[in-house]
Amino acid sequence: MGFYENYILPGMIDVACGAGPILKQRAKVVPLAEGRVLEVGMGSAINIPFYDPARIEMVWGLEPSEGMRRKAAPRIAKAPFPIEWLGFPGEEIPLDDNSADTVLLTFTLCTIPDFAKALEQMRRVLKPGGRLLFAEHGEAPDESVRKWQNRINPIWKRIAGGCNVNRQIPKLIEDGGFKIEDVDSMYLPQTPRFAAFQYWGVATQR
């Protein structure tokens, strides 16, 4: 990775992903995690305060960016449960089959280049009966917003670490072999309209 990706971008992402409306979304899904958790795209470890320590055995933090792992170090040091870094992308999860009780995705699916392969890997490592928890931004329901998303996306992706604002999140999850048990959606306040539409919920293996 270059200087921008390793030193500038992690700080920008940390600020953006730590905004008030985004933190409220994290608070809706992270406390549901339990057992042995795989957090895909752990980033700067913003989710740590939202976990319920009484429900957590340990967390694998999958994060390919050295800059993000460095940014996360102070939060990792204060975590009330064991965390093991996995310095790999979402397409290459180095865990055995049926390893995780929970897979957690928060504002990550938008950035993974081969999302289909990544979801296949998540399904592989999730135990039967385990849950995929997600909070993601994606394609908006309103045509006027979708037009702007499609116009902005090529430029946005280049400056925002590969983030795509127009992915069809529920469809991607279902096409990845999961059954969505519960999903909600809304436009977040105080957020640019093209990146404001959020999906969050719970899915299980089909």
N, C-alpha and C. Protein backbone atom coordinates (compact mmCIF):
# COMPACT_ATOMS: atom_id res chain seq x y z
N MET A 1 0.84 -1.19 0.00
CA MET A 1 0.00 0.00 0.00
C MET A 1 0.88 1.25 0.00
N GLY A 2 0.38 2.33 -0.62
CA GLY A 2 1.12 3.57 -0.65
C GLY A 2 0.90 4.40 0.60
N PHE A 3 1.53 5.59 0.61
CA PHE A 3 1.46 6.48 1.77
C PHE A 3 0.01 6.87 2.07
N TYR A 4 -0.76 7.23 1.03
CA TYR A 4 -2.15 7.65 1.23
C TYR A 4 -2.97 6.55 1.89
N GLU A 5 -2.87 5.33 1.33
CA GLU A 5 -3.66 4.21 1.85
C GLU A 5 -3.23 3.79 3.24
N ASN A 6 -1.94 3.94 3.55
CA ASN A 6 -1.42 3.42 4.81
C ASN A 6 -1.45 4.44 5.95
N TYR A 7 -1.41 5.74 5.60
CA TYR A 7 -1.31 6.75 6.66
C TYR A 7 -2.42 7.80 6.64
N ILE A 8 -2.89 8.20 5.49
CA ILE A 8 -3.93 9.23 5.41
C ILE A 8 -5.33 8.63 5.50
N LEU A 9 -5.58 7.62 4.66
CA LEU A 9 -6.91 7.02 4.57
C LEU A 9 -7.40 6.43 5.89
N PRO A 10 -6.56 5.72 6.68
CA PRO A 10 -7.07 5.17 7.94
C PRO A 10 -7.67 6.21 8.87
N GLY A 11 -7.04 7.39 8.94
CA GLY A 11 -7.58 8.45 9.79
C GLY A 11 -8.90 8.98 9.27
N MET A 12 -8.99 9.14 7.94
CA MET A 12 -10.24 9.62 7.34
C MET A 12 -11.38 8.64 7.56
N ILE A 13 -11.08 7.34 7.38
CA ILE A 13 -12.12 6.32 7.58
C ILE A 13 -12.55 6.26 9.03
N ASP A 14 -11.59 6.38 9.93
CA ASP A 14 -11.91 6.33 11.37
C ASP A 14 -12.87 7.45 11.75
N VAL A 15 -12.63 8.64 11.23
CA VAL A 15 -13.51 9.77 11.53
C VAL A 15 -14.90 9.55 10.92
N ALA A 16 -14.94 9.16 9.64
CA ALA A 16 -16.22 8.97 8.96
C ALA A 16 -17.04 7.84 9.59
N CYS A 17 -16.37 6.74 9.92
CA CYS A 17 -17.07 5.58 10.47
C CYS A 17 -17.37 5.72 11.96
N GLY A 18 -16.87 6.80 12.55
CA GLY A 18 -17.15 7.06 13.95
C GLY A 18 -18.13 8.20 14.17
N ALA A 19 -18.76 8.66 13.07
CA ALA A 19 -19.76 9.72 13.19
C ALA A 19 -20.96 9.23 13.99
N GLY A 20 -21.65 10.17 14.63
CA GLY A 20 -22.76 9.81 15.51
C GLY A 20 -23.80 8.88 14.91
N PRO A 21 -24.37 9.20 13.73
CA PRO A 21 -25.38 8.32 13.14
C PRO A 21 -24.85 6.91 12.85
N ILE A 22 -23.57 6.82 12.47
CA ILE A 22 -22.97 5.52 12.19
C ILE A 22 -22.81 4.72 13.48
N LEU A 23 -22.41 5.39 14.55
CA LEU A 23 -22.26 4.70 15.83
C LEU A 23 -23.60 4.14 16.31
N LYS A 24 -24.68 4.86 16.05
CA LYS A 24 -26.00 4.36 16.44
C LYS A 24 -26.35 3.09 15.68
N GLN A 25 -25.92 3.00 14.42
CA GLN A 25 -26.16 1.79 13.65
C GLN A 25 -25.36 0.62 14.22
N ARG A 26 -24.11 0.87 14.57
CA ARG A 26 -23.28 -0.17 15.17
C ARG A 26 -23.93 -0.70 16.45
N ALA A 27 -24.49 0.22 17.23
CA ALA A 27 -25.10 -0.16 18.50
C ALA A 27 -26.32 -1.06 18.32
N LYS A 28 -26.88 -1.10 17.13
CA LYS A 28 -28.05 -1.94 16.88
C LYS A 28 -27.68 -3.41 16.64
N VAL A 29 -26.47 -3.66 16.13
CA VAL A 29 -26.14 -5.03 15.74
C VAL A 29 -24.98 -5.64 16.53
N VAL A 30 -23.98 -4.86 16.88
CA VAL A 30 -22.79 -5.44 17.52
C VAL A 30 -23.12 -6.14 18.84
N PRO A 31 -24.01 -5.60 19.69
CA PRO A 31 -24.31 -6.30 20.95
C PRO A 31 -24.94 -7.68 20.77
N LEU A 32 -25.41 -7.99 19.57
CA LEU A 32 -26.02 -9.30 19.31
C LEU A 32 -24.97 -10.39 19.10
N ALA A 33 -23.72 -10.00 18.89
CA ALA A 33 -22.66 -10.97 18.65
C ALA A 33 -22.43 -11.82 19.89
N GLU A 34 -22.08 -13.10 19.65
CA GLU A 34 -21.84 -14.00 20.78
C GLU A 34 -20.83 -15.07 20.40
N GLY A 35 -20.23 -15.65 21.44
CA GLY A 35 -19.31 -16.77 21.25
C GLY A 35 -18.01 -16.35 20.60
N ARG A 36 -17.59 -17.15 19.62
CA ARG A 36 -16.38 -16.88 18.85
C ARG A 36 -16.79 -16.09 17.62
N VAL A 37 -16.32 -14.85 17.55
CA VAL A 37 -16.80 -13.89 16.57
C VAL A 37 -15.72 -13.61 15.52
N LEU A 38 -16.12 -13.64 14.26
CA LEU A 38 -15.26 -13.16 13.19
C LEU A 38 -15.80 -11.81 12.75
N GLU A 39 -15.02 -10.75 13.00
CA GLU A 39 -15.38 -9.43 12.53
C GLU A 39 -14.63 -9.17 11.24
N VAL A 40 -15.34 -9.10 10.15
CA VAL A 40 -14.74 -8.91 8.83
C VAL A 40 -14.59 -7.42 8.56
N GLY A 41 -13.35 -6.99 8.35
CA GLY A 41 -13.09 -5.57 8.18
C GLY A 41 -13.14 -4.85 9.51
N MET A 42 -12.32 -5.30 10.46
CA MET A 42 -12.36 -4.72 11.81
C MET A 42 -11.88 -3.27 11.84
N GLY A 43 -11.09 -2.90 10.83
CA GLY A 43 -10.68 -1.50 10.72
C GLY A 43 -9.94 -1.00 11.95
N SER A 44 -10.37 0.14 12.45
CA SER A 44 -9.73 0.74 13.63
C SER A 44 -10.38 0.30 14.92
N ALA A 45 -11.12 -0.79 14.88
CA ALA A 45 -11.70 -1.42 16.08
C ALA A 45 -12.75 -0.54 16.77
N ILE A 46 -13.48 0.24 15.99
CA ILE A 46 -14.52 1.11 16.55
C ILE A 46 -15.61 0.32 17.25
N ASN A 47 -15.82 -0.93 16.83
CA ASN A 47 -16.93 -1.71 17.39
C ASN A 47 -16.69 -2.22 18.81
N ILE A 48 -15.46 -2.22 19.27
CA ILE A 48 -15.15 -2.86 20.56
C ILE A 48 -16.07 -2.41 21.70
N PRO A 49 -16.34 -1.12 21.89
CA PRO A 49 -17.21 -0.72 23.01
C PRO A 49 -18.64 -1.21 22.91
N PHE A 50 -19.06 -1.64 21.72
CA PHE A 50 -20.45 -2.06 21.53
C PHE A 50 -20.67 -3.55 21.77
N TYR A 51 -19.61 -4.33 21.85
CA TYR A 51 -19.76 -5.75 22.18
C TYR A 51 -20.23 -5.90 23.63
N ASP A 52 -20.97 -6.96 23.88
CA ASP A 52 -21.34 -7.34 25.25
C ASP A 52 -20.31 -8.35 25.73
N PRO A 53 -19.35 -7.96 26.58
CA PRO A 53 -18.26 -8.86 26.97
C PRO A 53 -18.74 -10.18 27.56
N ALA A 54 -19.90 -10.16 28.22
CA ALA A 54 -20.41 -11.38 28.84
C ALA A 54 -20.79 -12.43 27.80
N ARG A 55 -21.02 -12.00 26.56
CA ARG A 55 -21.45 -12.91 25.50
C ARG A 55 -20.30 -13.36 24.59
N ILE A 56 -19.11 -12.78 24.79
CA ILE A 56 -18.01 -12.97 23.84
C ILE A 56 -16.92 -13.88 24.42
N GLU A 57 -16.59 -14.92 23.65
CA GLU A 57 -15.46 -15.78 24.01
C GLU A 57 -14.16 -15.18 23.46
N MET A 58 -14.17 -14.81 22.20
CA MET A 58 -13.04 -14.14 21.58
C MET A 58 -13.47 -13.58 20.23
N VAL A 59 -12.64 -12.67 19.69
CA VAL A 59 -12.93 -12.06 18.40
C VAL A 59 -11.72 -12.20 17.49
N TRP A 60 -11.97 -12.69 16.27
CA TRP A 60 -10.96 -12.62 15.22
C TRP A 60 -11.21 -11.33 14.45
N GLY A 61 -10.21 -10.47 14.35
CA GLY A 61 -10.35 -9.23 13.61
C GLY A 61 -9.69 -9.36 12.24
N LEU A 62 -10.48 -9.55 11.21
CA LEU A 62 -9.95 -9.67 9.85
C LEU A 62 -9.76 -8.28 9.29
N GLU A 63 -8.51 -7.91 8.99
CA GLU A 63 -8.23 -6.57 8.50
C GLU A 63 -6.92 -6.57 7.71
N PRO A 64 -6.97 -6.38 6.39
CA PRO A 64 -5.76 -6.44 5.59
C PRO A 64 -4.89 -5.20 5.66
N SER A 65 -5.44 -4.07 6.11
CA SER A 65 -4.70 -2.81 6.10
C SER A 65 -3.82 -2.66 7.34
N GLU A 66 -2.52 -2.56 7.10
CA GLU A 66 -1.60 -2.33 8.22
C GLU A 66 -1.88 -1.00 8.90
N GLY A 67 -2.24 0.00 8.10
CA GLY A 67 -2.55 1.31 8.67
C GLY A 67 -3.75 1.27 9.59
N MET A 68 -4.79 0.52 9.23
CA MET A 68 -5.96 0.40 10.08
C MET A 68 -5.64 -0.38 11.35
N ARG A 69 -4.84 -1.44 11.22
CA ARG A 69 -4.47 -2.21 12.42
C ARG A 69 -3.65 -1.35 13.38
N ARG A 70 -2.80 -0.50 12.83
CA ARG A 70 -2.02 0.41 13.67
C ARG A 70 -2.94 1.41 14.37
N LYS A 71 -3.93 1.92 13.64
CA LYS A 71 -4.89 2.86 14.22
C LYS A 71 -5.70 2.21 15.33
N ALA A 72 -5.92 0.90 15.21
CA ALA A 72 -6.75 0.17 16.17
C ALA A 72 -6.02 -0.17 17.47
N ALA A 73 -4.71 -0.10 17.48
CA ALA A 73 -3.92 -0.62 18.61
C ALA A 73 -4.38 -0.12 19.98
N PRO A 74 -4.63 1.18 20.18
CA PRO A 74 -5.08 1.64 21.51
C PRO A 74 -6.40 1.01 21.94
N ARG A 75 -7.32 0.84 21.02
CA ARG A 75 -8.60 0.23 21.37
C ARG A 75 -8.44 -1.26 21.65
N ILE A 76 -7.61 -1.93 20.88
CA ILE A 76 -7.37 -3.35 21.10
C ILE A 76 -6.78 -3.59 22.48
N ALA A 77 -5.87 -2.71 22.89
CA ALA A 77 -5.21 -2.86 24.19
C ALA A 77 -6.19 -2.78 25.35
N LYS A 78 -7.32 -2.10 25.15
CA LYS A 78 -8.30 -1.94 26.22
C LYS A 78 -9.47 -2.92 26.12
N ALA A 79 -9.45 -3.79 25.14
CA ALA A 79 -10.58 -4.71 24.93
C ALA A 79 -10.74 -5.66 26.10
N PRO A 80 -11.97 -5.91 26.55
CA PRO A 80 -12.22 -6.79 27.69
C PRO A 80 -12.34 -8.26 27.31
N PHE A 81 -11.90 -8.62 26.11
CA PHE A 81 -11.93 -10.00 25.65
C PHE A 81 -10.77 -10.19 24.68
N PRO A 82 -10.35 -11.44 24.43
CA PRO A 82 -9.22 -11.69 23.54
C PRO A 82 -9.56 -11.33 22.09
N ILE A 83 -8.59 -10.71 21.41
CA ILE A 83 -8.72 -10.39 19.99
C ILE A 83 -7.50 -10.90 19.26
N GLU A 84 -7.72 -11.58 18.16
CA GLU A 84 -6.63 -12.09 17.33
C GLU A 84 -6.73 -11.47 15.94
N TRP A 85 -5.69 -10.75 15.54
CA TRP A 85 -5.68 -10.14 14.22
C TRP A 85 -5.48 -11.20 13.15
N LEU A 86 -6.20 -11.04 12.06
CA LEU A 86 -5.99 -11.83 10.84
C LEU A 86 -5.76 -10.83 9.72
N GLY A 87 -4.51 -10.71 9.28
CA GLY A 87 -4.15 -9.69 8.30
C GLY A 87 -4.42 -10.13 6.88
N PHE A 88 -5.65 -10.49 6.59
CA PHE A 88 -6.03 -10.99 5.29
C PHE A 88 -7.26 -10.26 4.77
N PRO A 89 -7.49 -10.26 3.45
CA PRO A 89 -8.72 -9.68 2.91
C PRO A 89 -9.91 -10.60 3.11
N GLY A 90 -11.09 -10.08 2.86
CA GLY A 90 -12.31 -10.86 3.07
C GLY A 90 -12.41 -12.09 2.20
N GLU A 91 -11.70 -12.09 1.07
CA GLU A 91 -11.75 -13.23 0.18
C GLU A 91 -10.88 -14.39 0.65
N GLU A 92 -10.05 -14.14 1.68
CA GLU A 92 -9.09 -15.15 2.13
C GLU A 92 -9.15 -15.28 3.65
N ILE A 93 -10.19 -15.88 4.16
CA ILE A 93 -10.34 -16.00 5.62
C ILE A 93 -9.60 -17.25 6.09
N PRO A 94 -8.52 -17.09 6.87
CA PRO A 94 -7.68 -18.23 7.26
C PRO A 94 -8.18 -18.97 8.49
N LEU A 95 -9.45 -19.37 8.47
CA LEU A 95 -10.03 -20.12 9.58
C LEU A 95 -10.59 -21.44 9.06
N ASP A 96 -10.69 -22.41 9.95
CA ASP A 96 -11.27 -23.70 9.59
C ASP A 96 -12.77 -23.57 9.35
N ASP A 97 -13.33 -24.53 8.66
CA ASP A 97 -14.78 -24.59 8.49
C ASP A 97 -15.46 -24.62 9.86
N ASN A 98 -16.63 -23.98 9.95
CA ASN A 98 -17.46 -24.04 11.16
C ASN A 98 -16.71 -23.55 12.40
N SER A 99 -15.94 -22.46 12.25
CA SER A 99 -15.13 -21.94 13.36
C SER A 99 -15.85 -20.89 14.20
N ALA A 100 -16.71 -20.10 13.56
CA ALA A 100 -17.26 -18.92 14.21
C ALA A 100 -18.74 -19.10 14.56
N ASP A 101 -19.11 -18.61 15.73
CA ASP A 101 -20.53 -18.58 16.12
C ASP A 101 -21.24 -17.38 15.48
N THR A 102 -20.48 -16.30 15.27
CA THR A 102 -21.03 -15.07 14.71
C THR A 102 -20.05 -14.50 13.70
N VAL A 103 -20.57 -14.03 12.57
CA VAL A 103 -19.79 -13.22 11.64
C VAL A 103 -20.39 -11.82 11.66
N LEU A 104 -19.55 -10.82 11.84
CA LEU A 104 -20.01 -9.44 11.95
C LEU A 104 -19.49 -8.61 10.78
N LEU A 105 -20.40 -7.92 10.11
CA LEU A 105 -20.08 -7.04 8.99
C LEU A 105 -20.63 -5.65 9.30
N THR A 106 -19.77 -4.67 9.50
CA THR A 106 -20.24 -3.30 9.69
C THR A 106 -19.48 -2.38 8.75
N PHE A 107 -20.17 -1.88 7.74
CA PHE A 107 -19.62 -0.93 6.78
C PHE A 107 -18.34 -1.48 6.14
N THR A 108 -18.45 -2.75 5.71
CA THR A 108 -17.32 -3.48 5.14
C THR A 108 -17.64 -4.06 3.77
N LEU A 109 -18.86 -4.54 3.59
CA LEU A 109 -19.22 -5.21 2.34
C LEU A 109 -19.11 -4.26 1.14
N CYS A 110 -19.19 -2.98 1.41
CA CYS A 110 -19.07 -1.98 0.34
C CYS A 110 -17.66 -1.93 -0.25
N THR A 111 -16.67 -2.41 0.50
CA THR A 111 -15.27 -2.23 0.07
C THR A 111 -14.62 -3.48 -0.50
N ILE A 112 -15.18 -4.65 -0.26
CA ILE A 112 -14.52 -5.90 -0.67
C ILE A 112 -14.65 -6.08 -2.18
N PRO A 113 -13.53 -6.18 -2.91
CA PRO A 113 -13.60 -6.29 -4.37
C PRO A 113 -14.42 -7.49 -4.83
N ASP A 114 -14.07 -8.69 -4.37
CA ASP A 114 -14.80 -9.90 -4.77
C ASP A 114 -15.74 -10.28 -3.63
N PHE A 115 -16.84 -9.56 -3.52
CA PHE A 115 -17.76 -9.77 -2.40
C PHE A 115 -18.38 -11.15 -2.42
N ALA A 116 -18.58 -11.73 -3.62
CA ALA A 116 -19.18 -13.06 -3.71
C ALA A 116 -18.27 -14.10 -3.07
N LYS A 117 -16.99 -14.02 -3.38
CA LYS A 117 -16.03 -14.95 -2.80
C LYS A 117 -15.92 -14.75 -1.30
N ALA A 118 -15.95 -13.49 -0.87
CA ALA A 118 -15.85 -13.20 0.56
C ALA A 118 -17.04 -13.76 1.33
N LEU A 119 -18.24 -13.60 0.79
CA LEU A 119 -19.43 -14.14 1.45
C LEU A 119 -19.40 -15.66 1.46
N GLU A 120 -18.86 -16.27 0.43
CA GLU A 120 -18.69 -17.72 0.41
C GLU A 120 -17.77 -18.16 1.55
N GLN A 121 -16.69 -17.38 1.77
CA GLN A 121 -15.78 -17.69 2.86
C GLN A 121 -16.45 -17.50 4.23
N MET A 122 -17.23 -16.46 4.37
CA MET A 122 -17.94 -16.23 5.64
C MET A 122 -18.89 -17.37 5.93
N ARG A 123 -19.59 -17.82 4.90
CA ARG A 123 -20.53 -18.94 5.08
C ARG A 123 -19.78 -20.21 5.47
N ARG A 124 -18.61 -20.39 4.89
CA ARG A 124 -17.81 -21.59 5.19
C ARG A 124 -17.38 -21.64 6.64
N VAL A 125 -16.95 -20.51 7.19
CA VAL A 125 -16.41 -20.52 8.56
C VAL A 125 -17.49 -20.40 9.62
N LEU A 126 -18.71 -20.02 9.22
CA LEU A 126 -19.79 -19.88 10.20
C LEU A 126 -20.37 -21.25 10.56
N LYS A 127 -20.50 -21.48 11.85
CA LYS A 127 -21.05 -22.75 12.32
C LYS A 127 -22.52 -22.90 11.91
N PRO A 128 -23.00 -24.12 11.71
CA PRO A 128 -24.44 -24.32 11.51
C PRO A 128 -25.22 -23.71 12.68
N GLY A 129 -26.21 -22.93 12.36
CA GLY A 129 -26.97 -22.26 13.41
C GLY A 129 -26.39 -20.92 13.81
N GLY A 130 -25.19 -20.59 13.30
CA GLY A 130 -24.58 -19.29 13.59
C GLY A 130 -25.27 -18.16 12.84
N ARG A 131 -24.90 -16.93 13.17
CA ARG A 131 -25.57 -15.78 12.58
C ARG A 131 -24.58 -14.81 11.94
N LEU A 132 -25.00 -14.26 10.83
CA LEU A 132 -24.30 -13.15 10.19
C LEU A 132 -25.04 -11.87 10.58
N LEU A 133 -24.35 -10.98 11.25
CA LEU A 133 -24.91 -9.69 11.64
C LEU A 133 -24.35 -8.62 10.70
N PHE A 134 -25.20 -7.73 10.23
CA PHE A 134 -24.70 -6.73 9.28
C PHE A 134 -25.33 -5.37 9.50
N ALA A 135 -24.53 -4.35 9.26
CA ALA A 135 -24.97 -2.96 9.19
C ALA A 135 -24.15 -2.33 8.07
N GLU A 136 -24.80 -2.04 6.96
CA GLU A 136 -24.10 -1.61 5.75
C GLU A 136 -24.88 -0.51 5.04
N HIS A 137 -24.15 0.37 4.35
CA HIS A 137 -24.84 1.33 3.49
C HIS A 137 -24.84 0.78 2.07
N GLY A 138 -25.82 1.20 1.27
CA GLY A 138 -25.90 0.66 -0.08
C GLY A 138 -26.90 1.37 -0.95
N GLU A 139 -27.37 0.64 -1.96
CA GLU A 139 -28.26 1.23 -2.97
C GLU A 139 -29.53 1.77 -2.33
N ALA A 140 -29.88 2.99 -2.69
CA ALA A 140 -31.07 3.64 -2.16
C ALA A 140 -32.32 3.21 -2.94
N PRO A 141 -33.50 3.30 -2.32
CA PRO A 141 -34.74 2.91 -3.00
C PRO A 141 -35.26 3.97 -3.96
N ASP A 142 -34.80 5.20 -3.82
CA ASP A 142 -35.32 6.29 -4.64
C ASP A 142 -34.46 6.47 -5.89
N GLU A 143 -35.12 6.52 -7.04
CA GLU A 143 -34.40 6.58 -8.31
C GLU A 143 -33.50 7.80 -8.40
N SER A 144 -33.96 8.94 -7.88
CA SER A 144 -33.16 10.15 -7.97
C SER A 144 -31.85 10.01 -7.19
N VAL A 145 -31.90 9.33 -6.05
CA VAL A 145 -30.68 9.11 -5.25
C VAL A 145 -29.80 8.07 -5.94
N ARG A 146 -30.41 7.03 -6.47
CA ARG A 146 -29.63 5.98 -7.17
C ARG A 146 -28.85 6.57 -8.34
N LYS A 147 -29.44 7.50 -9.06
CA LYS A 147 -28.74 8.13 -10.18
C LYS A 147 -27.47 8.82 -9.70
N TRP A 148 -27.58 9.53 -8.59
CA TRP A 148 -26.40 10.20 -8.04
C TRP A 148 -25.39 9.19 -7.52
N GLN A 149 -25.87 8.12 -6.90
CA GLN A 149 -24.95 7.09 -6.43
C GLN A 149 -24.14 6.52 -7.59
N ASN A 150 -24.79 6.24 -8.69
CA ASN A 150 -24.11 5.65 -9.84
C ASN A 150 -23.14 6.63 -10.50
N ARG A 151 -23.49 7.91 -10.46
CA ARG A 151 -22.60 8.92 -11.03
C ARG A 151 -21.35 9.11 -10.16
N ILE A 152 -21.57 9.14 -8.86
CA ILE A 152 -20.49 9.46 -7.93
C ILE A 152 -19.59 8.25 -7.68
N ASN A 153 -20.14 7.06 -7.77
CA ASN A 153 -19.42 5.87 -7.31
C ASN A 153 -18.01 5.69 -7.89
N PRO A 154 -17.78 5.87 -9.19
CA PRO A 154 -16.43 5.65 -9.70
C PRO A 154 -15.37 6.54 -9.05
N ILE A 155 -15.73 7.80 -8.81
CA ILE A 155 -14.78 8.72 -8.17
C ILE A 155 -14.67 8.42 -6.68
N TRP A 156 -15.81 8.21 -6.04
CA TRP A 156 -15.84 7.93 -4.60
C TRP A 156 -15.00 6.70 -4.26
N LYS A 157 -15.12 5.67 -5.07
CA LYS A 157 -14.40 4.43 -4.83
C LYS A 157 -12.89 4.65 -4.80
N ARG A 158 -12.41 5.55 -5.66
CA ARG A 158 -10.97 5.80 -5.74
C ARG A 158 -10.45 6.55 -4.52
N ILE A 159 -11.25 7.45 -3.97
CA ILE A 159 -10.75 8.27 -2.87
C ILE A 159 -11.11 7.71 -1.49
N ALA A 160 -12.03 6.75 -1.46
CA ALA A 160 -12.56 6.26 -0.17
C ALA A 160 -12.20 4.80 0.09
N GLY A 161 -11.03 4.38 -0.35
CA GLY A 161 -10.56 3.04 -0.01
C GLY A 161 -11.35 1.91 -0.63
N GLY A 162 -11.88 2.13 -1.83
CA GLY A 162 -12.63 1.08 -2.51
C GLY A 162 -14.10 1.00 -2.13
N CYS A 163 -14.58 1.97 -1.36
CA CYS A 163 -15.98 1.97 -0.92
C CYS A 163 -16.92 2.21 -2.09
N ASN A 164 -17.93 1.35 -2.23
CA ASN A 164 -18.99 1.50 -3.23
C ASN A 164 -20.27 1.92 -2.53
N VAL A 165 -20.92 2.95 -3.06
CA VAL A 165 -22.13 3.46 -2.40
C VAL A 165 -23.41 2.85 -2.95
N ASN A 166 -23.31 2.02 -3.99
CA ASN A 166 -24.52 1.57 -4.69
C ASN A 166 -24.69 0.06 -4.73
N ARG A 167 -24.11 -0.66 -3.80
CA ARG A 167 -24.27 -2.12 -3.80
C ARG A 167 -25.63 -2.51 -3.20
N GLN A 168 -26.21 -3.56 -3.76
CA GLN A 168 -27.52 -4.06 -3.32
C GLN A 168 -27.29 -5.03 -2.16
N ILE A 169 -27.17 -4.52 -0.97
CA ILE A 169 -26.69 -5.29 0.18
C ILE A 169 -27.54 -6.53 0.47
N PRO A 170 -28.86 -6.44 0.64
CA PRO A 170 -29.63 -7.67 0.93
C PRO A 170 -29.48 -8.72 -0.17
N LYS A 171 -29.48 -8.29 -1.42
CA LYS A 171 -29.34 -9.24 -2.53
C LYS A 171 -27.98 -9.93 -2.50
N LEU A 172 -26.92 -9.16 -2.22
CA LEU A 172 -25.58 -9.75 -2.16
C LEU A 172 -25.52 -10.82 -1.07
N ILE A 173 -26.09 -10.52 0.08
CA ILE A 173 -26.06 -11.46 1.20
C ILE A 173 -26.84 -12.73 0.85
N GLU A 174 -28.01 -12.57 0.26
CA GLU A 174 -28.82 -13.74 -0.10
C GLU A 174 -28.16 -14.53 -1.23
N ASP A 175 -27.59 -13.86 -2.20
CA ASP A 175 -26.89 -14.56 -3.28
C ASP A 175 -25.66 -15.29 -2.76
N GLY A 176 -25.14 -14.85 -1.61
CA GLY A 176 -23.99 -15.49 -1.00
C GLY A 176 -24.32 -16.73 -0.20
N GLY A 177 -25.57 -17.17 -0.23
CA GLY A 177 -25.95 -18.40 0.44
C GLY A 177 -26.55 -18.21 1.82
N PHE A 178 -26.95 -16.99 2.14
CA PHE A 178 -27.55 -16.70 3.43
C PHE A 178 -29.05 -16.42 3.28
N LYS A 179 -29.76 -16.65 4.37
CA LYS A 179 -31.18 -16.30 4.44
C LYS A 179 -31.33 -15.16 5.42
N ILE A 180 -31.85 -14.05 4.98
CA ILE A 180 -32.03 -12.90 5.87
C ILE A 180 -33.25 -13.14 6.75
N GLU A 181 -33.00 -13.18 8.04
CA GLU A 181 -34.07 -13.42 9.02
C GLU A 181 -34.75 -12.12 9.43
N ASP A 182 -33.98 -11.05 9.41
CA ASP A 182 -34.52 -9.76 9.86
C ASP A 182 -33.71 -8.66 9.20
N VAL A 183 -34.39 -7.65 8.64
CA VAL A 183 -33.69 -6.53 8.03
C VAL A 183 -34.51 -5.26 8.18
N ASP A 184 -33.83 -4.17 8.46
CA ASP A 184 -34.43 -2.84 8.51
C ASP A 184 -33.61 -1.92 7.62
N SER A 185 -34.18 -0.80 7.25
CA SER A 185 -33.47 0.14 6.41
C SER A 185 -33.99 1.55 6.65
N MET A 186 -33.14 2.53 6.36
CA MET A 186 -33.52 3.94 6.51
C MET A 186 -32.41 4.82 5.95
N TYR A 187 -32.77 6.07 5.69
CA TYR A 187 -31.77 7.08 5.40
C TYR A 187 -31.25 7.64 6.73
N LEU A 188 -29.94 7.65 6.90
CA LEU A 188 -29.38 8.21 8.12
C LEU A 188 -29.41 9.74 8.06
N PRO A 189 -29.69 10.38 9.19
CA PRO A 189 -29.61 11.84 9.24
C PRO A 189 -28.15 12.30 9.26
N GLN A 190 -27.94 13.54 8.93
CA GLN A 190 -26.61 14.17 9.00
C GLN A 190 -25.56 13.40 8.18
N THR A 191 -26.01 12.82 7.08
CA THR A 191 -25.14 12.01 6.24
C THR A 191 -25.40 12.39 4.79
N PRO A 192 -24.35 12.52 3.96
CA PRO A 192 -24.59 12.82 2.54
C PRO A 192 -25.57 11.83 1.94
N ARG A 193 -26.55 12.36 1.20
CA ARG A 193 -27.66 11.53 0.72
C ARG A 193 -27.18 10.32 -0.08
N PHE A 194 -26.13 10.48 -0.86
CA PHE A 194 -25.69 9.38 -1.71
C PHE A 194 -25.10 8.22 -0.90
N ALA A 195 -24.73 8.48 0.35
CA ALA A 195 -24.16 7.43 1.20
C ALA A 195 -25.00 7.18 2.44
N ALA A 196 -26.24 7.66 2.44
CA ALA A 196 -27.04 7.67 3.67
C ALA A 196 -27.96 6.48 3.85
N PHE A 197 -28.22 5.72 2.77
CA PHE A 197 -29.20 4.65 2.93
C PHE A 197 -28.55 3.43 3.56
N GLN A 198 -29.13 2.98 4.68
CA GLN A 198 -28.55 1.92 5.51
C GLN A 198 -29.44 0.69 5.58
N TYR A 199 -28.78 -0.45 5.60
CA TYR A 199 -29.45 -1.73 5.86
C TYR A 199 -28.80 -2.36 7.09
N TRP A 200 -29.60 -2.93 7.96
CA TRP A 200 -29.02 -3.67 9.09
C TRP A 200 -29.94 -4.83 9.46
N GLY A 201 -29.33 -5.92 9.94
CA GLY A 201 -30.14 -7.06 10.28
C GLY A 201 -29.34 -8.30 10.58
N VAL A 202 -30.02 -9.44 10.47
CA VAL A 202 -29.47 -10.74 10.84
C VAL A 202 -29.75 -11.74 9.73
N ALA A 203 -28.75 -12.55 9.41
CA ALA A 203 -28.93 -13.60 8.40
C ALA A 203 -28.34 -14.91 8.93
N THR A 204 -28.85 -16.01 8.40
CA THR A 204 -28.35 -17.33 8.75
C THR A 204 -28.03 -18.10 7.45
N GLN A 205 -27.32 -19.20 7.60
CA GLN A 205 -27.01 -20.01 6.44
C GLN A 205 -28.26 -20.67 5.89
N ARG A 206 -28.30 -20.80 4.57
CA ARG A 206 -29.41 -21.54 3.96
C ARG A 206 -29.12 -23.02 4.03
